[in-house]
Amino acid sequence: MSAMELVGLNMKWYRYQRNITQEQFANKTKFKMAYISTIENGDANLTCKNIDLIAKAFGIKQELLFNEETAIKARALPNRVDMYYKYNIK
């Protein structure tokens, strides 16, 4: 798994755990919502500054964004996690 995929999947995992939509996370980080999606799909080559911003927004240490165990768990999450919040299905 590449570093970009690890960060993207972990970001999706922590966002899901906090019941935050991509739009809400975009507002919190000041990123565009399309960029949030790009990151979660593992297609964004993030700077260290953006990794710091993401970790800070979640209140976690940066290294947790590179955790392979949570990334593997995140693969099992639905593709449109925000759709599940609306119906309270987990």
C-alpha atoms as a PDB file:
ATOM      1  CA  MET A   1       0.000   0.000   0.000  1.00  0.00           C
ATOM      2  CA  SER A   2       1.438   3.404  -0.935  1.00  0.00           C
ATOM      3  CA  ALA A   3       1.811   6.277   1.531  1.00  0.00           C
ATOM      4  CA  MET A   4      -0.881   8.195  -0.363  1.00  0.00           C
ATOM      5  CA  GLU A   5      -3.293   5.277  -0.003  1.00  0.00           C
ATOM      6  CA  LEU A   6      -2.449   4.870   3.702  1.00  0.00           C
ATOM      7  CA  VAL A   7      -3.148   8.523   4.484  1.00  0.00           C
ATOM      8  CA  GLY A   8      -6.321   8.538   2.397  1.00  0.00           C
ATOM      9  CA  LEU A   9      -7.774   5.415   3.966  1.00  0.00           C
ATOM     10  CA  ASN A  10      -6.840   6.517   7.479  1.00  0.00           C
ATOM     11  CA  MET A  11      -8.413   9.908   6.879  1.00  0.00           C
ATOM     12  CA  LYS A  12     -11.596   8.172   5.746  1.00  0.00           C
ATOM     13  CA  TRP A  13     -11.445   5.928   8.839  1.00  0.00           C
ATOM     14  CA  TYR A  14     -11.075   8.798  11.323  1.00  0.00           C
ATOM     15  CA  ARG A  15     -13.725  10.854   9.550  1.00  0.00           C
ATOM     16  CA  TYR A  16     -16.123   7.930   9.686  1.00  0.00           C
ATOM     17  CA  GLN A  17     -15.372   7.271  13.367  1.00  0.00           C
ATOM     18  CA  ARG A  18     -16.190  10.886  14.158  1.00  0.00           C
ATOM     19  CA  ASN A  19     -19.353  10.839  12.062  1.00  0.00           C
ATOM     20  CA  ILE A  20     -18.114  13.743   9.919  1.00  0.00           C
ATOM     21  CA  THR A  21     -19.081  14.156   6.267  1.00  0.00           C
ATOM     22  CA  GLN A  22     -16.551  15.144   3.626  1.00  0.00           C
ATOM     23  CA  GLU A  23     -18.208  18.551   3.477  1.00  0.00           C
ATOM     24  CA  GLN A  24     -17.896  19.068   7.240  1.00  0.00           C
ATOM     25  CA  PHE A  25     -14.259  17.980   7.173  1.00  0.00           C
ATOM     26  CA  ALA A  26     -13.569  20.300   4.238  1.00  0.00           C
ATOM     27  CA  ASN A  27     -14.982  23.203   6.242  1.00  0.00           C
ATOM     28  CA  LYS A  28     -12.872  22.249   9.250  1.00  0.00           C
ATOM     29  CA  THR A  29      -9.621  22.007   7.281  1.00  0.00           C
ATOM     30  CA  LYS A  30     -10.376  24.750   4.713  1.00  0.00           C
ATOM     31  CA  PHE A  31      -9.708  22.198   1.934  1.00  0.00           C
ATOM     32  CA  LYS A  32     -12.090  21.926  -1.005  1.00  0.00           C
ATOM     33  CA  MET A  33     -14.461  18.983  -0.796  1.00  0.00           C
ATOM     34  CA  ALA A  34     -13.109  17.583  -4.077  1.00  0.00           C
ATOM     35  CA  TYR A  35      -9.633  17.561  -2.506  1.00  0.00           C
ATOM     36  CA  ILE A  36     -10.956  15.572   0.467  1.00  0.00           C
ATOM     37  CA  SER A  37     -12.290  12.980  -1.971  1.00  0.00           C
ATOM     38  CA  THR A  38      -8.991  12.932  -3.878  1.00  0.00           C
ATOM     39  CA  ILE A  39      -7.081  12.329  -0.639  1.00  0.00           C
ATOM     40  CA  GLU A  40      -9.414   9.538   0.493  1.00  0.00           C
ATOM     41  CA  ASN A  41      -9.089   7.840  -2.893  1.00  0.00           C
ATOM     42  CA  GLY A  42      -5.313   7.775  -2.439  1.00  0.00           C
ATOM     43  CA  ASP A  43      -4.703  10.091  -5.392  1.00  0.00           C
ATOM     44  CA  ALA A  44      -3.319  13.147  -3.556  1.00  0.00           C
ATOM     45  CA  ASN A  45       0.395  13.649  -3.074  1.00  0.00           C
ATOM     46  CA  LEU A  46       0.128  15.506   0.228  1.00  0.00           C
ATOM     47  CA  THR A  47       2.662  17.914   1.650  1.00  0.00           C
ATOM     48  CA  CYS A  48       3.865  17.557   5.218  1.00  0.00           C
ATOM     49  CA  LYS A  49       1.940  20.742   5.997  1.00  0.00           C
ATOM     50  CA  ASN A  50      -1.338  19.187   4.826  1.00  0.00           C
ATOM     51  CA  ILE A  51      -0.650  15.991   6.777  1.00  0.00           C
ATOM     52  CA  ASP A  52      -0.152  18.171   9.858  1.00  0.00           C
ATOM     53  CA  LEU A  53      -3.448  20.003   9.167  1.00  0.00           C
ATOM     54  CA  ILE A  54      -5.362  16.746   8.772  1.00  0.00           C
ATOM     55  CA  ALA A  55      -3.925  15.267  11.963  1.00  0.00           C
ATOM     56  CA  LYS A  56      -4.631  18.466  13.879  1.00  0.00           C
ATOM     57  CA  ALA A  57      -8.235  18.549  12.615  1.00  0.00           C
ATOM     58  CA  PHE A  58      -8.739  15.032  13.997  1.00  0.00           C
ATOM     59  CA  GLY A  59      -6.761  15.707  17.163  1.00  0.00           C
ATOM     60  CA  ILE A  60      -4.387  12.819  16.468  1.00  0.00           C
ATOM     61  CA  LYS A  61      -0.645  12.344  15.972  1.00  0.00           C
ATOM     62  CA  GLN A  62       0.529  12.456  12.356  1.00  0.00           C
ATOM     63  CA  GLU A  63       1.881   8.913  12.462  1.00  0.00           C
ATOM     64  CA  LEU A  64      -1.643   7.546  12.957  1.00  0.00           C
ATOM     65  CA  LEU A  65      -2.401   8.613   9.384  1.00  0.00           C
ATOM     66  CA  PHE A  66       0.146   5.999   8.259  1.00  0.00           C
ATOM     67  CA  ASN A  67      -1.276   3.085  10.302  1.00  0.00           C
ATOM     68  CA  GLU A  68      -1.776   0.062   8.072  1.00  0.00           C
ATOM     69  CA  GLU A  69      -4.215  -1.679  10.437  1.00  0.00           C
ATOM     70  CA  THR A  70      -6.761   1.142  10.375  1.00  0.00           C
ATOM     71  CA  ALA A  71      -6.235   1.583   6.626  1.00  0.00           C
ATOM     72  CA  ILE A  72      -7.223  -2.049   6.123  1.00  0.00           C
ATOM     73  CA  LYS A  73     -10.331  -1.510   8.260  1.00  0.00           C
ATOM     74  CA  ALA A  74     -11.166   1.587   6.210  1.00  0.00           C
ATOM     75  CA  ARG A  75     -11.260  -0.490   3.036  1.00  0.00           C
ATOM     76  CA  ALA A  76     -14.370  -2.201   4.423  1.00  0.00           C
ATOM     77  CA  LEU A  77     -16.205   1.108   4.848  1.00  0.00           C
ATOM     78  CA  PRO A  78     -18.882   1.974   2.289  1.00  0.00           C
ATOM     79  CA  ASN A  79     -17.787   4.178  -0.605  1.00  0.00           C
ATOM     80  CA  ARG A  80     -20.227   6.922   0.297  1.00  0.00           C
ATOM     81  CA  VAL A  81     -20.013   6.983   4.080  1.00  0.00           C
ATOM     82  CA  ASP A  82     -21.919  10.262   4.319  1.00  0.00           C
ATOM     83  CA  MET A  83     -24.950   8.483   2.813  1.00  0.00           C
ATOM     84  CA  TYR A  84     -25.001   6.161   5.840  1.00  0.00           C
ATOM     85  CA  TYR A  85     -24.998   9.028   8.350  1.00  0.00           C
ATOM     86  CA  LYS A  86     -28.245  10.257   6.902  1.00  0.00           C
ATOM     87  CA  TYR A  87     -29.937   6.948   7.640  1.00  0.00           C
ATOM     88  CA  ASN A  88     -27.949   6.145  10.813  1.00  0.00           C
ATOM     89  CA  ILE A  89     -26.750   2.851   9.349  1.00  0.00           C
ATOM     90  CA  LYS A  90     -23.275   1.725  10.516  1.00  0.00           C
END
